[in-house]
Protein backbone atom coordinates (compact mmCIF):
# COMPACT_ATOMS: atom_id res chain seq x y z
CA MET A 1 -23.06 6.92 16.88
CA SER A 2 -21.93 7.55 21.10
CA THR A 3 -22.84 10.01 22.40
CA THR A 4 -21.27 8.72 25.77
CA LEU A 5 -18.86 12.05 27.71
CA ARG A 6 -15.05 10.16 27.86
CA TRP A 7 -13.82 13.12 30.25
CA THR A 8 -9.94 13.29 29.79
CA SER A 9 -6.97 14.70 31.69
CA ALA A 10 -7.65 18.46 29.78
CA ASP A 11 -11.85 18.25 31.24
CA PHE A 12 -10.30 17.93 33.90
CA ALA A 13 -7.94 20.70 34.05
CA ALA A 14 -10.99 23.42 33.28
CA LEU A 15 -12.66 21.98 36.70
CA PRO A 16 -12.89 24.70 39.77
CA ASP A 17 -11.15 23.38 43.02
CA ASP A 18 -13.42 23.03 44.95
CA GLY A 19 -11.98 21.07 47.58
CA LYS A 20 -13.35 17.40 46.71
CA ARG A 21 -11.74 15.66 45.03
CA ASP A 22 -11.72 14.47 41.59
CA GLU A 23 -11.39 11.44 39.68
CA ILE A 24 -11.11 9.58 35.72
CA ILE A 25 -10.82 6.25 35.56
CA ASP A 26 -11.78 4.76 31.76
CA GLY A 27 -13.00 8.20 31.29
CA ASP A 28 -15.78 8.41 34.09
CA LEU A 29 -15.39 11.12 36.20
CA TYR A 30 -15.19 10.53 40.03
CA VAL A 31 -16.78 13.30 42.45
CA SER A 32 -16.08 12.66 46.13
CA ARG A 33 -16.54 15.40 49.09
CA GLN A 34 -13.16 15.70 51.72
CA PRO A 35 -12.44 13.05 53.03
CA HIS A 36 -13.69 11.65 56.60
CA TRP A 37 -12.16 12.35 59.87
CA HIS A 38 -11.55 8.39 60.09
CA HIS A 39 -10.10 8.32 56.67
CA GLN A 40 -7.44 10.81 56.62
CA PHE A 41 -6.54 9.14 60.23
CA VAL A 42 -6.07 5.62 59.14
CA CYS A 43 -3.77 6.90 55.50
CA LEU A 44 -1.65 9.00 57.77
CA ARG A 45 -1.56 6.31 60.09
CA LEU A 46 -0.14 3.73 57.89
CA GLY A 47 2.25 6.79 55.31
CA ARG A 48 3.24 7.01 59.21
CA PHE A 49 4.53 3.31 59.07
CA LEU A 50 5.32 2.68 56.25
CA ASP A 51 7.82 6.18 55.85
CA GLU A 52 9.72 4.59 58.75
CA TRP A 53 9.68 0.74 57.37
CA ASN A 54 11.49 2.84 54.04
CA GLU A 55 13.26 4.81 56.04
CA GLN A 56 15.46 1.86 57.23
CA THR A 57 15.22 0.76 54.25
CA LYS A 58 15.76 3.64 51.54
CA ALA A 59 14.03 1.41 48.83
CA GLY A 60 11.93 4.00 48.12
CA VAL A 61 9.12 7.06 48.27
CA VAL A 62 6.00 7.00 50.96
CA ASN A 63 3.39 9.44 49.94
CA SER A 64 0.12 10.18 50.33
CA ALA A 65 -2.84 11.42 47.64
CA PRO A 66 -0.06 12.13 45.21
CA GLY A 67 -1.59 11.80 41.07
CA VAL A 68 -1.24 9.37 39.10
CA VAL A 69 -2.33 9.87 35.31
CA PHE A 70 -2.18 6.68 34.20
CA ALA A 71 -4.02 8.17 30.27
CA ASP A 72 -5.98 11.12 28.74
CA ASP A 73 -8.88 9.52 31.13
CA GLU A 74 -7.36 8.20 33.90
CA ASP A 75 -6.47 10.66 36.21
CA VAL A 76 -6.09 8.98 39.86
CA VAL A 77 -5.67 9.70 43.65
CA PRO A 78 -4.08 6.69 45.32
CA ASP A 79 -4.64 7.45 49.34
CA VAL A 80 -1.20 5.96 49.90
CA VAL A 81 1.66 4.83 47.74
CA TRP A 82 4.22 3.44 48.14
CA ILE A 83 6.75 3.48 45.01
CA SER A 84 10.49 2.04 44.60
CA ALA A 85 13.55 4.39 44.12
CA ALA A 86 14.04 2.62 40.44
CA ARG A 87 10.49 3.45 39.61
CA LEU A 88 9.77 7.02 40.51
CA ALA A 89 13.03 8.42 38.33
CA HIS A 90 11.51 7.48 35.23
CA GLY A 91 7.74 8.05 36.62
CA LEU A 92 6.73 11.92 37.20
CA ASP A 93 6.20 13.51 34.39
CA ALA A 94 7.50 17.82 33.56
CA ALA A 95 4.22 18.99 36.41
CA GLY A 96 4.90 16.18 38.75
CA TYR A 97 2.57 13.69 38.26
CA LEU A 98 3.11 9.85 38.65
CA THR A 99 2.92 8.46 35.27
CA VAL A 100 3.66 4.61 36.15
CA ALA A 101 1.92 2.61 38.94
CA PRO A 102 3.11 2.64 42.57
CA GLU A 103 4.14 -1.23 43.02
CA LEU A 104 1.77 -0.70 46.15
CA ALA A 105 -1.53 1.04 46.15
CA VAL A 106 -3.65 1.83 48.96
CA GLU A 107 -6.90 3.00 49.04
CA VAL A 108 -8.62 3.03 52.75
CA LEU A 109 -12.26 3.21 52.17
CA SER A 110 -15.33 6.01 52.14
CA PRO A 111 -18.10 5.85 53.36
CA GLY A 112 -21.01 5.48 51.61
CA ALA A 113 -21.71 2.28 48.69
CA GLY A 114 -20.91 4.40 45.85
CA ASN A 115 -16.89 5.04 46.86
CA GLU A 116 -17.01 2.05 48.69
CA ARG A 117 -17.76 0.23 44.71
CA ARG A 118 -15.34 2.57 42.97
CA ASP A 119 -12.32 1.89 45.60
CA ARG A 120 -12.60 -1.58 45.65
CA GLU A 121 -14.35 -2.23 42.04
CA VAL A 122 -13.39 0.43 40.07
CA LYS A 123 -9.67 2.24 40.87
CA LEU A 124 -8.87 -2.07 42.37
CA LYS A 125 -9.29 -3.04 38.15
CA LEU A 126 -7.25 0.07 37.06
CA SER A 127 -4.56 0.03 39.54
CA SER A 128 -4.20 -4.62 38.43
CA ARG A 129 -4.79 -3.68 34.90
CA ARG A 130 -1.74 -0.97 35.46
CA GLY A 131 1.03 -2.83 36.60
CA VAL A 132 0.17 -2.34 40.81
CA GLN A 133 1.93 -5.52 42.06
CA GLU A 134 0.60 -4.91 45.73
CA GLY A 135 -3.05 -3.19 47.01
CA TRP A 136 -4.39 -3.36 50.72
CA ILE A 137 -7.99 -1.75 50.58
CA VAL A 138 -8.44 -0.45 54.55
CA GLY A 139 -11.89 -0.72 56.47
CA TRP A 140 -12.04 1.74 59.02
CA VAL A 141 -15.09 1.04 59.90
CA ASN A 142 -14.44 -3.31 60.65
CA ARG A 143 -10.82 -2.58 60.76
CA GLN A 144 -9.41 -4.91 57.85
CA VAL A 145 -7.02 -4.41 55.96
CA GLU A 146 -7.92 -6.20 52.11
CA VAL A 147 -4.71 -7.20 50.54
CA TYR A 148 -4.31 -8.22 46.66
CA ARG A 149 -1.62 -9.29 45.34
CA ARG A 150 -0.85 -9.33 41.52
CA GLU A 151 -0.44 -13.36 40.12
CA GLN A 152 -0.79 -13.49 36.82
CA ALA A 153 -0.78 -10.68 35.10
CA ALA A 154 -3.46 -8.86 37.57
CA LEU A 155 -5.06 -8.20 41.23
CA ARG A 156 -5.76 -10.94 43.66
CA PRO A 157 -6.83 -11.02 46.64
CA VAL A 158 -4.86 -13.25 49.55
CA ALA A 159 -5.83 -12.14 52.58
CA THR A 160 -8.35 -9.80 54.52
CA LEU A 161 -6.81 -9.19 57.84
CA PHE A 162 -7.86 -8.38 61.42
CA ALA A 163 -6.90 -6.89 64.68
CA GLY A 164 -4.89 -10.08 65.96
CA ASP A 165 -3.20 -10.32 62.68
CA GLU A 166 0.04 -8.79 60.96
CA LEU A 167 0.67 -7.00 58.11
CA ARG A 168 3.67 -8.42 55.99
CA SER A 169 4.44 -7.39 52.11
CA PRO A 170 7.39 -9.28 50.41
CA LEU A 171 8.09 -6.09 48.24
CA LEU A 172 8.81 -4.50 52.50
CA PRO A 173 11.02 -6.66 53.32
CA GLY A 174 10.77 -6.55 56.75
CA PHE A 175 8.22 -4.28 57.09
CA ALA A 176 5.78 -6.26 59.83
CA LEU A 177 2.94 -3.64 61.02
CA PRO A 178 0.02 -5.49 63.76
CA VAL A 179 -3.12 -4.61 62.50
CA GLU A 180 -3.93 -3.64 65.99
CA ARG A 181 -1.69 -0.30 65.31
CA LEU A 182 -2.83 0.77 62.19
CA PHE A 183 -6.75 1.39 63.79
CA ALA A 184 -5.41 2.16 67.43
CA GLY A 185 -6.50 6.09 69.40
CA MET A 186 -9.50 5.51 66.63
């Protein structure tokens, strides 16, 4: 008989609001400290560039750190998402949480080996399993963007972009961001 604790949404709701970012992935609880200054700087800039593109296209919605509840044991908080208007139309529950995968999920790496493992492996695997079409992992320390796209029912690495490269996506026709602009001012 297993005695392993599997966290659920009900357990999650009972936690005190201590300002930390708590997530449940496959029944495991992950707790993060308040985000680092550079982490939030990059999240805000990326959200701004995506939102400027989205304002022109009216294709969907950009949001930062939304709650995504895929299942009773999968409550996560991607750093930035883009979701099409069509998907969003049936993707929010009564409490205001996304219950469907956004087309694009972005994780900006937080300092620490455990945080990086969670973002690169655990959350990317969940995004892949739940139907995210594209994932970006942004490393502000190395000033790079890793791009993963859905191929054969899984997110697979397609590019690692640096300062001289331009970030584009087939999900976002016309979106083009020189990677160096993302980190400008840091």
